[in-house]
Amino acid sequence: AIARRLVDRPWGPPLGRLLGQVLADGA
C-alpha cells in the first residue's frame, strides 16, 4: 500500500503546492 501509493502518485505538483503555501505563509 505504501510503496504503491508513493510510486503511483507524482511528487512534483503536490510538493509544488506545498512549497508555494509555505512561501506564501512565510514559514
PDB file of all heavy atoms in Angstrom:
ATOM      1  N   ALA A   1       0.825  -1.211   0.000  1.00  0.00           N
ATOM      2  CA  ALA A   1       0.000   0.000   0.000  1.00  0.00           C
ATOM      3  C   ALA A   1       0.855   1.255   0.000  1.00  0.00           C
ATOM      4  O   ALA A   1       0.623   2.186  -0.783  1.00  0.00           O
ATOM      5  CB  ALA A   1      -0.927  -0.018   1.220  1.00  0.00           C
ATOM      6  N   ILE A   2       1.878   1.288   0.864  1.00  0.00           N
ATOM      7  CA  ILE A   2       2.705   2.490   0.963  1.00  0.00           C
ATOM      8  C   ILE A   2       3.544   2.671  -0.291  1.00  0.00           C
ATOM      9  O   ILE A   2       3.581   3.756  -0.886  1.00  0.00           O
ATOM     10  CB  ILE A   2       3.593   2.416   2.215  1.00  0.00           C
ATOM     11  CG1 ILE A   2       2.722   2.445   3.479  1.00  0.00           C
ATOM     12  CG2 ILE A   2       4.584   3.569   2.244  1.00  0.00           C
ATOM     13  CD1 ILE A   2       3.503   2.325   4.768  1.00  0.00           C
ATOM     14  N   ALA A   3       4.232   1.601  -0.697  1.00  0.00           N
ATOM     15  CA  ALA A   3       5.101   1.717  -1.870  1.00  0.00           C
ATOM     16  C   ALA A   3       4.298   2.046  -3.126  1.00  0.00           C
ATOM     17  O   ALA A   3       4.695   2.896  -3.927  1.00  0.00           O
ATOM     18  CB  ALA A   3       5.882   0.411  -2.060  1.00  0.00           C
ATOM     19  N   ARG A   4       3.144   1.385  -3.294  1.00  0.00           N
ATOM     20  CA  ARG A   4       2.341   1.647  -4.485  1.00  0.00           C
ATOM     21  C   ARG A   4       1.841   3.093  -4.491  1.00  0.00           C
ATOM     22  O   ARG A   4       1.831   3.763  -5.524  1.00  0.00           O
ATOM     23  CB  ARG A   4       1.164   0.673  -4.524  1.00  0.00           C
ATOM     24  CG  ARG A   4       0.180   0.919  -5.658  1.00  0.00           C
ATOM     25  CD  ARG A   4       0.852   0.722  -7.013  1.00  0.00           C
ATOM     26  NE  ARG A   4       1.348  -0.615  -7.166  1.00  0.00           N
ATOM     27  CZ  ARG A   4       0.620  -1.634  -7.608  1.00  0.00           C
ATOM     28  NH1 ARG A   4      -0.660  -1.429  -7.928  1.00  0.00           N
ATOM     29  NH2 ARG A   4       1.150  -2.822  -7.748  1.00  0.00           N
ATOM     30  N   ARG A   5       1.387   3.567  -3.332  1.00  0.00           N
ATOM     31  CA  ARG A   5       0.900   4.950  -3.260  1.00  0.00           C
ATOM     32  C   ARG A   5       2.025   5.946  -3.533  1.00  0.00           C
ATOM     33  O   ARG A   5       1.831   6.956  -4.209  1.00  0.00           O
ATOM     34  CB  ARG A   5       0.282   5.207  -1.890  1.00  0.00           C
ATOM     35  CG  ARG A   5      -0.368   6.574  -1.749  1.00  0.00           C
ATOM     36  CD  ARG A   5      -1.086   6.684  -0.427  1.00  0.00           C
ATOM     37  NE  ARG A   5      -2.212   5.790  -0.386  1.00  0.00           N
ATOM     38  CZ  ARG A   5      -3.430   6.088  -0.829  1.00  0.00           C
ATOM     39  NH1 ARG A   5      -3.650   7.282  -1.367  1.00  0.00           N
ATOM     40  NH2 ARG A   5      -4.408   5.235  -0.750  1.00  0.00           N
ATOM     41  N   LEU A   6       3.209   5.658  -2.990  1.00  0.00           N
ATOM     42  CA  LEU A   6       4.328   6.578  -3.208  1.00  0.00           C
ATOM     43  C   LEU A   6       4.786   6.568  -4.661  1.00  0.00           C
ATOM     44  O   LEU A   6       5.149   7.616  -5.204  1.00  0.00           O
ATOM     45  CB  LEU A   6       5.494   6.185  -2.291  1.00  0.00           C
ATOM     46  CG  LEU A   6       5.297   6.450  -0.790  1.00  0.00           C
ATOM     47  CD1 LEU A   6       6.470   5.896  -0.001  1.00  0.00           C
ATOM     48  CD2 LEU A   6       5.143   7.943  -0.512  1.00  0.00           C
ATOM     49  N   VAL A   7       4.772   5.387  -5.281  1.00  0.00           N
ATOM     50  CA  VAL A   7       5.280   5.282  -6.642  1.00  0.00           C
ATOM     51  C   VAL A   7       4.268   5.792  -7.658  1.00  0.00           C
ATOM     52  O   VAL A   7       4.617   6.483  -8.623  1.00  0.00           O
ATOM     53  CB  VAL A   7       5.665   3.814  -6.948  1.00  0.00           C
ATOM     54  CG1 VAL A   7       5.967   3.639  -8.430  1.00  0.00           C
ATOM     55  CG2 VAL A   7       6.875   3.413  -6.105  1.00  0.00           C
ATOM     56  N   ASP A   8       2.991   5.468  -7.446  1.00  0.00           N
ATOM     57  CA  ASP A   8       1.982   5.790  -8.455  1.00  0.00           C
ATOM     58  C   ASP A   8       1.687   7.279  -8.528  1.00  0.00           C
ATOM     59  O   ASP A   8       1.384   7.796  -9.601  1.00  0.00           O
ATOM     60  CB  ASP A   8       0.691   5.020  -8.163  1.00  0.00           C
ATOM     61  CG  ASP A   8       0.839   3.534  -8.443  1.00  0.00           C
ATOM     62  OD1 ASP A   8       1.851   3.164  -9.045  1.00  0.00           O
ATOM     63  OD2 ASP A   8      -0.048   2.752  -8.042  1.00  0.00           O
ATOM     64  N   ARG A   9       1.743   7.952  -7.420  1.00  0.00           N
ATOM     65  CA  ARG A   9       1.383   9.373  -7.426  1.00  0.00           C
ATOM     66  C   ARG A   9       2.603  10.236  -7.732  1.00  0.00           C
ATOM     67  O   ARG A   9       3.671  10.043  -7.136  1.00  0.00           O
ATOM     68  CB  ARG A   9       0.800   9.783  -6.077  1.00  0.00           C
ATOM     69  CG  ARG A   9      -0.469   9.049  -5.715  1.00  0.00           C
ATOM     70  CD  ARG A   9      -1.125   9.636  -4.499  1.00  0.00           C
ATOM     71  NE  ARG A   9      -1.519  11.027  -4.721  1.00  0.00           N
ATOM     72  CZ  ARG A   9      -2.119  11.772  -3.792  1.00  0.00           C
ATOM     73  NH1 ARG A   9      -2.363  11.271  -2.608  1.00  0.00           N
ATOM     74  NH2 ARG A   9      -2.445  13.021  -4.057  1.00  0.00           N
ATOM     75  N   PRO A  10       2.493  11.199  -8.655  1.00  0.00           N
ATOM     76  CA  PRO A  10       3.619  12.110  -8.942  1.00  0.00           C
ATOM     77  C   PRO A  10       3.893  13.026  -7.753  1.00  0.00           C
ATOM     78  O   PRO A  10       2.975  13.455  -7.061  1.00  0.00           O
ATOM     79  CB  PRO A  10       3.124  12.896 -10.157  1.00  0.00           C
ATOM     80  CG  PRO A  10       1.629  12.833 -10.077  1.00  0.00           C
ATOM     81  CD  PRO A  10       1.307  11.501  -9.479  1.00  0.00           C
ATOM     82  N   TRP A  11       5.153  13.296  -7.527  1.00  0.00           N
ATOM     83  CA  TRP A  11       5.546  14.133  -6.393  1.00  0.00           C
ATOM     84  C   TRP A  11       5.570  15.618  -6.736  1.00  0.00           C
ATOM     85  O   TRP A  11       5.428  16.462  -5.862  1.00  0.00           O
ATOM     86  CB  TRP A  11       6.933  13.699  -5.909  1.00  0.00           C
ATOM     87  CG  TRP A  11       6.894  12.482  -5.042  1.00  0.00           C
ATOM     88  CD1 TRP A  11       5.869  11.597  -4.918  1.00  0.00           C
ATOM     89  CD2 TRP A  11       7.935  12.022  -4.182  1.00  0.00           C
ATOM     90  NE1 TRP A  11       6.196  10.607  -4.047  1.00  0.00           N
ATOM     91  CE2 TRP A  11       7.467  10.836  -3.577  1.00  0.00           C
ATOM     92  CE3 TRP A  11       9.210  12.472  -3.889  1.00  0.00           C
ATOM     93  CZ2 TRP A  11       8.236  10.122  -2.670  1.00  0.00           C
ATOM     94  CZ3 TRP A  11       9.983  11.755  -2.991  1.00  0.00           C
ATOM     95  CH2 TRP A  11       9.496  10.597  -2.379  1.00  0.00           C
ATOM     96  N   GLY A  12       5.807  15.925  -8.010  1.00  0.00           N
ATOM     97  CA  GLY A  12       6.021  17.317  -8.388  1.00  0.00           C
ATOM     98  C   GLY A  12       4.898  18.260  -8.001  1.00  0.00           C
ATOM     99  O   GLY A  12       5.096  19.193  -7.196  1.00  0.00           O
ATOM    100  N   PRO A  13       3.680  18.100  -8.531  1.00  0.00           N
ATOM    101  CA  PRO A  13       2.596  19.028  -8.214  1.00  0.00           C
ATOM    102  C   PRO A  13       2.269  19.136  -6.725  1.00  0.00           C
ATOM    103  O   PRO A  13       2.113  20.251  -6.224  1.00  0.00           O
ATOM    104  CB  PRO A  13       1.416  18.460  -9.021  1.00  0.00           C
ATOM    105  CG  PRO A  13       2.065  17.751 -10.171  1.00  0.00           C
ATOM    106  CD  PRO A  13       3.315  17.164  -9.616  1.00  0.00           C
ATOM    107  N   PRO A  14       2.156  18.017  -5.982  1.00  0.00           N
ATOM    108  CA  PRO A  14       1.879  18.168  -4.550  1.00  0.00           C
ATOM    109  C   PRO A  14       2.987  18.930  -3.811  1.00  0.00           C
ATOM    110  O   PRO A  14       2.702  19.784  -2.976  1.00  0.00           O
ATOM    111  CB  PRO A  14       1.769  16.725  -4.050  1.00  0.00           C
ATOM    112  CG  PRO A  14       1.447  15.918  -5.248  1.00  0.00           C
ATOM    113  CD  PRO A  14       2.148  16.593  -6.376  1.00  0.00           C
ATOM    114  N   LEU A  15       4.241  18.598  -4.120  1.00  0.00           N
ATOM    115  CA  LEU A  15       5.339  19.318  -3.474  1.00  0.00           C
ATOM    116  C   LEU A  15       5.330  20.792  -3.871  1.00  0.00           C
ATOM    117  O   LEU A  15       5.620  21.673  -3.046  1.00  0.00           O
ATOM    118  CB  LEU A  15       6.674  18.675  -3.852  1.00  0.00           C
ATOM    119  CG  LEU A  15       6.977  17.315  -3.219  1.00  0.00           C
ATOM    120  CD1 LEU A  15       8.296  16.768  -3.756  1.00  0.00           C
ATOM    121  CD2 LEU A  15       7.048  17.442  -1.703  1.00  0.00           C
ATOM    122  N   GLY A  16       5.016  21.079  -5.147  1.00  0.00           N
ATOM    123  CA  GLY A  16       4.946  22.460  -5.588  1.00  0.00           C
ATOM    124  C   GLY A  16       3.875  23.241  -4.850  1.00  0.00           C
ATOM    125  O   GLY A  16       4.095  24.388  -4.430  1.00  0.00           O
ATOM    126  N   ARG A  17       2.687  22.629  -4.689  1.00  0.00           N
ATOM    127  CA  ARG A  17       1.612  23.303  -3.947  1.00  0.00           C
ATOM    128  C   ARG A  17       1.987  23.506  -2.496  1.00  0.00           C
ATOM    129  O   ARG A  17       1.721  24.565  -1.906  1.00  0.00           O
ATOM    130  CB  ARG A  17       0.326  22.485  -4.069  1.00  0.00           C
ATOM    131  CG  ARG A  17      -0.316  22.559  -5.442  1.00  0.00           C
ATOM    132  CD  ARG A  17      -1.718  21.963  -5.422  1.00  0.00           C
ATOM    133  NE  ARG A  17      -1.680  20.526  -5.150  1.00  0.00           N
ATOM    134  CZ  ARG A  17      -1.585  19.599  -6.092  1.00  0.00           C
ATOM    135  NH1 ARG A  17      -1.515  19.969  -7.378  1.00  0.00           N
ATOM    136  NH2 ARG A  17      -1.565  18.323  -5.787  1.00  0.00           N
ATOM    137  N   LEU A  18       2.609  22.493  -1.892  1.00  0.00           N
ATOM    138  CA  LEU A  18       3.015  22.608  -0.501  1.00  0.00           C
ATOM    139  C   LEU A  18       4.074  23.697  -0.321  1.00  0.00           C
ATOM    140  O   LEU A  18       3.978  24.536   0.588  1.00  0.00           O
ATOM    141  CB  LEU A  18       3.549  21.262  -0.003  1.00  0.00           C
ATOM    142  CG  LEU A  18       4.083  21.229   1.436  1.00  0.00           C
ATOM    143  CD1 LEU A  18       2.979  21.591   2.424  1.00  0.00           C
ATOM    144  CD2 LEU A  18       4.662  19.858   1.760  1.00  0.00           C
ATOM    145  N   LEU A  19       5.070  23.697  -1.205  1.00  0.00           N
ATOM    146  CA  LEU A  19       6.122  24.708  -1.115  1.00  0.00           C
ATOM    147  C   LEU A  19       5.552  26.102  -1.359  1.00  0.00           C
ATOM    148  O   LEU A  19       5.927  27.072  -0.678  1.00  0.00           O
ATOM    149  CB  LEU A  19       7.223  24.392  -2.129  1.00  0.00           C
ATOM    150  CG  LEU A  19       8.425  25.354  -2.154  1.00  0.00           C
ATOM    151  CD1 LEU A  19       9.074  25.441  -0.776  1.00  0.00           C
ATOM    152  CD2 LEU A  19       9.434  24.905  -3.201  1.00  0.00           C
ATOM    153  N   GLY A  20       4.620  26.224  -2.305  1.00  0.00           N
ATOM    154  CA  GLY A  20       4.003  27.512  -2.562  1.00  0.00           C
ATOM    155  C   GLY A  20       3.234  28.026  -1.364  1.00  0.00           C
ATOM    156  O   GLY A  20       3.282  29.227  -1.045  1.00  0.00           O
ATOM    157  N   GLN A  21       2.531  27.136  -0.660  1.00  0.00           N
ATOM    158  CA  GLN A  21       1.796  27.543   0.535  1.00  0.00           C
ATOM    159  C   GLN A  21       2.742  27.968   1.651  1.00  0.00           C
ATOM    160  O   GLN A  21       2.508  28.960   2.353  1.00  0.00           O
ATOM    161  CB  GLN A  21       0.911  26.386   1.013  1.00  0.00           C
ATOM    162  CG  GLN A  21      -0.003  26.737   2.175  1.00  0.00           C
ATOM    163  CD  GLN A  21      -1.001  27.809   1.824  1.00  0.00           C
ATOM    164  OE1 GLN A  21      -1.609  27.771   0.751  1.00  0.00           O
ATOM    165  NE2 GLN A  21      -1.175  28.792   2.700  1.00  0.00           N
ATOM    166  N   VAL A  22       3.849  27.228   1.784  1.00  0.00           N
ATOM    167  CA  VAL A  22       4.848  27.590   2.802  1.00  0.00           C
ATOM    168  C   VAL A  22       5.440  28.960   2.508  1.00  0.00           C
ATOM    169  O   VAL A  22       5.608  29.801   3.408  1.00  0.00           O
ATOM    170  CB  VAL A  22       5.952  26.506   2.854  1.00  0.00           C
ATOM    171  CG1 VAL A  22       7.120  26.991   3.725  1.00  0.00           C
ATOM    172  CG2 VAL A  22       5.402  25.202   3.398  1.00  0.00           C
ATOM    173  N   LEU A  23       5.764  29.218   1.249  1.00  0.00           N
ATOM    174  CA  LEU A  23       6.333  30.509   0.869  1.00  0.00           C
ATOM    175  C   LEU A  23       5.322  31.632   1.067  1.00  0.00           C
ATOM    176  O   LEU A  23       5.672  32.740   1.506  1.00  0.00           O
ATOM    177  CB  LEU A  23       6.788  30.467  -0.586  1.00  0.00           C
ATOM    178  CG  LEU A  23       7.947  29.505  -0.900  1.00  0.00           C
ATOM    179  CD1 LEU A  23       8.184  29.422  -2.400  1.00  0.00           C
ATOM    180  CD2 LEU A  23       9.214  29.931  -0.183  1.00  0.00           C
ATOM    181  N   ALA A  24       4.033  31.369   0.723  1.00  0.00           N
ATOM    182  CA  ALA A  24       3.009  32.393   0.895  1.00  0.00           C
ATOM    183  C   ALA A  24       2.808  32.744   2.363  1.00  0.00           C
ATOM    184  O   ALA A  24       2.571  33.912   2.708  1.00  0.00           O
ATOM    185  CB  ALA A  24       1.698  31.918   0.278  1.00  0.00           C
ATOM    186  N   ASP A  25       2.924  31.738   3.248  1.00  0.00           N
ATOM    187  CA  ASP A  25       2.759  31.981   4.684  1.00  0.00           C
ATOM    188  C   ASP A  25       4.016  32.558   5.321  1.00  0.00           C
ATOM    189  O   ASP A  25       3.972  33.008   6.476  1.00  0.00           O
ATOM    190  CB  ASP A  25       2.374  30.684   5.399  1.00  0.00           C
ATOM    191  CG  ASP A  25       1.016  30.170   4.945  1.00  0.00           C
ATOM    192  OD1 ASP A  25       0.230  30.984   4.414  1.00  0.00           O
ATOM    193  OD2 ASP A  25       0.745  28.958   5.109  1.00  0.00           O
ATOM    194  N   GLY A  26       5.165  32.507   4.614  1.00  0.00           N
ATOM    195  CA  GLY A  26       6.422  32.992   5.174  1.00  0.00           C
ATOM    196  C   GLY A  26       7.029  32.056   6.192  1.00  0.00           C
ATOM    197  O   GLY A  26       7.928  32.451   6.948  1.00  0.00           O
ATOM    198  N   ALA A  27       6.549  30.813   6.222  1.00  0.00           N
ATOM    199  CA  ALA A  27       7.059  29.860   7.207  1.00  0.00           C
ATOM    200  C   ALA A  27       8.500  29.461   6.933  1.00  0.00           C
ATOM    201  O   ALA A  27       9.178  28.929   7.821  1.00  0.00           O
ATOM    202  CB  ALA A  27       6.164  28.613   7.236  1.00  0.00           C
TER     203      ALA A  27
END
